[in-house]
């Protein structure tokens, strides 16, 4: 998986507050701010100044099953994304090496995704984004 790129997603309570902090206070670049009303989702993607290929997805936990991962943390929580250029190759490698798959592969509007756990119980999305997705732009 040496060609994979790690992206970070921060779970936020308020999109506008988070955008203001990253863009106006820290000088990040706003790459995308897309609302998907049919799924009650909003994609907000920012990148650090200078562009190193890194992106941060600002997300909100809108589904009941996501709330336990956030709990009462005022600052939200970090989610981790392992972005791959060959989903099935890397998924099979994870399985062969005994990595615990928490959620089996599923095709979403944004791409193919499966969830696995690392040694410390952190959850990762193994993700192959559809071409043209805001996060994929910086890869």
C-alpha atoms as a PDB file:
ATOM      1  CA  UNK A   1       0.000   0.000   0.000  1.00  0.00           C
ATOM      2  CA  UNK A   2       3.005   2.272  -0.364  1.00  0.00           C
ATOM      3  CA  UNK A   3       1.240   4.258  -3.113  1.00  0.00           C
ATOM      4  CA  UNK A   4      -1.715   5.026  -0.890  1.00  0.00           C
ATOM      5  CA  UNK A   5      -2.273   8.474   0.562  1.00  0.00           C
ATOM      6  CA  UNK A   6      -3.656   9.181   3.997  1.00  0.00           C
ATOM      7  CA  UNK A   7      -6.363  11.804   4.288  1.00  0.00           C
ATOM      8  CA  UNK A   8      -7.742  13.082   7.570  1.00  0.00           C
ATOM      9  CA  UNK A   9     -11.362  13.836   8.309  1.00  0.00           C
ATOM     10  CA  UNK A  10     -12.252  15.975  11.286  1.00  0.00           C
ATOM     11  CA  UNK A  11     -15.724  15.681  12.708  1.00  0.00           C
ATOM     12  CA  UNK A  12     -17.049  19.152  13.414  1.00  0.00           C
ATOM     13  CA  UNK A  13     -20.087  20.495  15.245  1.00  0.00           C
ATOM     14  CA  UNK A  14     -20.542  23.533  13.015  1.00  0.00           C
ATOM     15  CA  UNK A  15     -19.345  23.730   9.411  1.00  0.00           C
ATOM     16  CA  UNK A  16     -19.263  27.515   9.148  1.00  0.00           C
ATOM     17  CA  UNK A  17     -17.276  27.872  12.364  1.00  0.00           C
ATOM     18  CA  UNK A  18     -14.796  25.227  11.209  1.00  0.00           C
ATOM     19  CA  UNK A  19     -14.416  26.763   7.735  1.00  0.00           C
ATOM     20  CA  UNK A  20     -13.790  30.170   9.269  1.00  0.00           C
ATOM     21  CA  UNK A  21     -11.114  28.740  11.567  1.00  0.00           C
ATOM     22  CA  UNK A  22      -9.220  26.813   8.887  1.00  0.00           C
ATOM     23  CA  UNK A  23      -9.543  29.316   6.041  1.00  0.00           C
ATOM     24  CA  UNK A  24      -9.446  32.704   7.789  1.00  0.00           C
ATOM     25  CA  UNK A  25      -7.404  31.902  10.883  1.00  0.00           C
ATOM     26  CA  UNK A  26      -4.976  29.269   9.583  1.00  0.00           C
ATOM     27  CA  UNK A  27      -4.886  30.303   5.924  1.00  0.00           C
ATOM     28  CA  UNK A  28      -6.017  26.960   4.495  1.00  0.00           C
ATOM     29  CA  UNK A  29      -7.421  26.775   0.951  1.00  0.00           C
ATOM     30  CA  UNK A  30     -11.118  25.918   0.608  1.00  0.00           C
ATOM     31  CA  UNK A  31     -11.185  23.290  -2.151  1.00  0.00           C
ATOM     32  CA  UNK A  32     -14.802  22.263  -2.054  1.00  0.00           C
ATOM     33  CA  UNK A  33     -18.051  22.981  -0.230  1.00  0.00           C
ATOM     34  CA  UNK A  34     -20.798  20.802  -1.623  1.00  0.00           C
ATOM     35  CA  UNK A  35     -24.182  20.124  -0.045  1.00  0.00           C
ATOM     36  CA  UNK A  36     -26.060  16.928  -0.897  1.00  0.00           C
ATOM     37  CA  UNK A  37     -29.566  17.594   0.431  1.00  0.00           C
ATOM     38  CA  UNK A  38     -30.898  14.184  -0.582  1.00  0.00           C
ATOM     39  CA  UNK A  39     -28.469  12.532   1.855  1.00  0.00           C
ATOM     40  CA  UNK A  40     -28.206  15.446   4.281  1.00  0.00           C
ATOM     41  CA  UNK A  41     -24.451  15.493   3.655  1.00  0.00           C
ATOM     42  CA  UNK A  42     -22.037  18.312   3.115  1.00  0.00           C
ATOM     43  CA  UNK A  43     -18.521  17.853   1.742  1.00  0.00           C
ATOM     44  CA  UNK A  44     -16.135  20.542   2.924  1.00  0.00           C
ATOM     45  CA  UNK A  45     -12.533  19.982   1.885  1.00  0.00           C
ATOM     46  CA  UNK A  46      -9.645  22.219   2.913  1.00  0.00           C
ATOM     47  CA  UNK A  47      -5.914  22.019   2.248  1.00  0.00           C
ATOM     48  CA  UNK A  48      -2.950  23.474   4.122  1.00  0.00           C
ATOM     49  CA  UNK A  49      -1.143  26.424   2.551  1.00  0.00           C
ATOM     50  CA  UNK A  50       1.569  25.437   0.122  1.00  0.00           C
ATOM     51  CA  UNK A  51      -0.168  22.241  -1.007  1.00  0.00           C
ATOM     52  CA  UNK A  52       1.593  19.017  -0.113  1.00  0.00           C
ATOM     53  CA  UNK A  53      -1.099  16.688  -1.438  1.00  0.00           C
ATOM     54  CA  UNK A  54      -2.740  16.642   1.982  1.00  0.00           C
ATOM     55  CA  UNK A  55      -6.424  17.402   2.390  1.00  0.00           C
ATOM     56  CA  UNK A  56      -8.740  17.592   5.370  1.00  0.00           C
ATOM     57  CA  UNK A  57     -12.397  16.695   5.072  1.00  0.00           C
ATOM     58  CA  UNK A  58     -14.612  18.544   7.543  1.00  0.00           C
ATOM     59  CA  UNK A  59     -17.513  16.237   8.320  1.00  0.00           C
ATOM     60  CA  UNK A  60     -20.484  16.140  10.644  1.00  0.00           C
ATOM     61  CA  UNK A  61     -21.800  12.983  12.247  1.00  0.00           C
ATOM     62  CA  UNK A  62     -25.348  12.906  10.951  1.00  0.00           C
ATOM     63  CA  UNK A  63     -26.018   9.215  11.408  1.00  0.00           C
ATOM     64  CA  UNK A  64     -26.943   7.690  14.728  1.00  0.00           C
ATOM     65  CA  UNK A  65     -24.236   5.006  14.469  1.00  0.00           C
ATOM     66  CA  UNK A  66     -21.546   7.686  14.218  1.00  0.00           C
ATOM     67  CA  UNK A  67     -22.463   9.431  17.463  1.00  0.00           C
ATOM     68  CA  UNK A  68     -20.689   6.912  19.763  1.00  0.00           C
ATOM     69  CA  UNK A  69     -17.402   7.778  18.044  1.00  0.00           C
ATOM     70  CA  UNK A  70     -17.871  11.438  18.929  1.00  0.00           C
ATOM     71  CA  UNK A  71     -19.494  11.195  22.333  1.00  0.00           C
ATOM     72  CA  UNK A  72     -19.352  14.399  24.327  1.00  0.00           C
ATOM     73  CA  UNK A  73     -16.024  15.573  22.952  1.00  0.00           C
ATOM     74  CA  UNK A  74     -16.385  19.287  22.381  1.00  0.00           C
ATOM     75  CA  UNK A  75     -13.788  19.305  19.619  1.00  0.00           C
ATOM     76  CA  UNK A  76     -15.195  16.404  17.677  1.00  0.00           C
ATOM     77  CA  UNK A  77     -13.079  13.458  16.605  1.00  0.00           C
ATOM     78  CA  UNK A  78     -10.528  12.553  13.982  1.00  0.00           C
ATOM     79  CA  UNK A  79     -11.420   9.951  11.398  1.00  0.00           C
ATOM     80  CA  UNK A  80      -8.717   8.406   9.232  1.00  0.00           C
ATOM     81  CA  UNK A  81      -8.904   7.625   5.538  1.00  0.00           C
ATOM     82  CA  UNK A  82      -6.497   5.431   3.620  1.00  0.00           C
ATOM     83  CA  UNK A  83      -7.026   6.393   0.000  1.00  0.00           C
ATOM     84  CA  UNK A  84      -5.968   3.735  -2.496  1.00  0.00           C
ATOM     85  CA  UNK A  85      -5.674   3.531  -6.256  1.00  0.00           C
ATOM     86  CA  UNK A  86      -6.641  -0.178  -6.249  1.00  0.00           C
ATOM     87  CA  UNK A  87      -9.325  -0.973  -3.678  1.00  0.00           C
ATOM     88  CA  UNK A  88      -9.584  -4.753  -4.126  1.00  0.00           C
ATOM     89  CA  UNK A  89      -5.813  -5.286  -4.155  1.00  0.00           C
ATOM     90  CA  UNK A  90      -5.388  -3.478  -0.844  1.00  0.00           C
ATOM     91  CA  UNK A  91      -8.543  -4.938   0.694  1.00  0.00           C
ATOM     92  CA  UNK A  92      -7.268  -8.454  -0.036  1.00  0.00           C
ATOM     93  CA  UNK A  93      -3.867  -7.544   1.458  1.00  0.00           C
ATOM     94  CA  UNK A  94      -5.533  -6.346   4.647  1.00  0.00           C
ATOM     95  CA  UNK A  95      -7.501  -9.597   4.918  1.00  0.00           C
ATOM     96  CA  UNK A  96      -4.444 -11.752   4.197  1.00  0.00           C
ATOM     97  CA  UNK A  97      -2.521 -10.002   6.968  1.00  0.00           C
ATOM     98  CA  UNK A  98      -5.248 -10.561   9.544  1.00  0.00           C
ATOM     99  CA  UNK A  99      -6.465  -6.977   9.800  1.00  0.00           C
ATOM    100  CA  UNK A 100      -9.911  -6.815  11.389  1.00  0.00           C
ATOM    101  CA  UNK A 101     -12.503  -5.624   8.876  1.00  0.00           C
ATOM    102  CA  UNK A 102     -15.246  -3.780  10.744  1.00  0.00           C
ATOM    103  CA  UNK A 103     -17.478  -3.057   7.763  1.00  0.00           C
ATOM    104  CA  UNK A 104     -17.413  -5.021   4.521  1.00  0.00           C
ATOM    105  CA  UNK A 105     -16.849  -3.264   1.173  1.00  0.00           C
ATOM    106  CA  UNK A 106     -19.686  -1.102  -0.057  1.00  0.00           C
ATOM    107  CA  UNK A 107     -20.115   1.061  -3.133  1.00  0.00           C
ATOM    108  CA  UNK A 108     -21.103   4.582  -2.162  1.00  0.00           C
ATOM    109  CA  UNK A 109     -21.804   7.626  -4.302  1.00  0.00           C
ATOM    110  CA  UNK A 110     -18.305   8.899  -3.565  1.00  0.00           C
ATOM    111  CA  UNK A 111     -16.519   5.585  -4.161  1.00  0.00           C
ATOM    112  CA  UNK A 112     -15.796   2.117  -2.770  1.00  0.00           C
ATOM    113  CA  UNK A 113     -15.228   1.919   0.977  1.00  0.00           C
ATOM    114  CA  UNK A 114     -14.568  -0.634   3.717  1.00  0.00           C
ATOM    115  CA  UNK A 115     -13.765   0.017   7.373  1.00  0.00           C
ATOM    116  CA  UNK A 116     -10.948  -1.648   9.273  1.00  0.00           C
ATOM    117  CA  UNK A 117      -9.479  -1.310  12.765  1.00  0.00           C
ATOM    118  CA  UNK A 118      -5.830  -0.799  13.637  1.00  0.00           C
ATOM    119  CA  UNK A 119      -3.936  -2.137  16.660  1.00  0.00           C
ATOM    120  CA  UNK A 120      -5.197   0.708  18.840  1.00  0.00           C
ATOM    121  CA  UNK A 121      -8.864   0.373  17.941  1.00  0.00           C
ATOM    122  CA  UNK A 122      -8.894   3.369  15.617  1.00  0.00           C
ATOM    123  CA  UNK A 123     -11.248   2.988  12.679  1.00  0.00           C
ATOM    124  CA  UNK A 124      -9.977   3.623   9.163  1.00  0.00           C
ATOM    125  CA  UNK A 125     -11.852   3.891   5.894  1.00  0.00           C
ATOM    126  CA  UNK A 126     -10.097   2.086   3.074  1.00  0.00           C
ATOM    127  CA  UNK A 127     -11.323   4.255   0.268  1.00  0.00           C
ATOM    128  CA  UNK A 128     -11.101   4.422  -3.483  1.00  0.00           C
ATOM    129  CA  UNK A 129     -12.726   7.682  -4.502  1.00  0.00           C
ATOM    130  CA  UNK A 130     -14.589   8.184  -7.731  1.00  0.00           C
ATOM    131  CA  UNK A 131     -12.670  10.370 -10.201  1.00  0.00           C
ATOM    132  CA  UNK A 132     -13.442  14.052  -9.739  1.00  0.00           C
ATOM    133  CA  UNK A 133     -14.272  13.831  -6.058  1.00  0.00           C
ATOM    134  CA  UNK A 134     -12.969  16.891  -4.132  1.00  0.00           C
ATOM    135  CA  UNK A 135     -10.574  14.874  -1.991  1.00  0.00           C
ATOM    136  CA  UNK A 136      -9.220  13.031  -5.015  1.00  0.00           C
ATOM    137  CA  UNK A 137      -8.245  16.329  -6.632  1.00  0.00           C
ATOM    138  CA  UNK A 138      -5.214  16.800  -4.404  1.00  0.00           C
ATOM    139  CA  UNK A 139      -3.869  13.263  -4.690  1.00  0.00           C
END
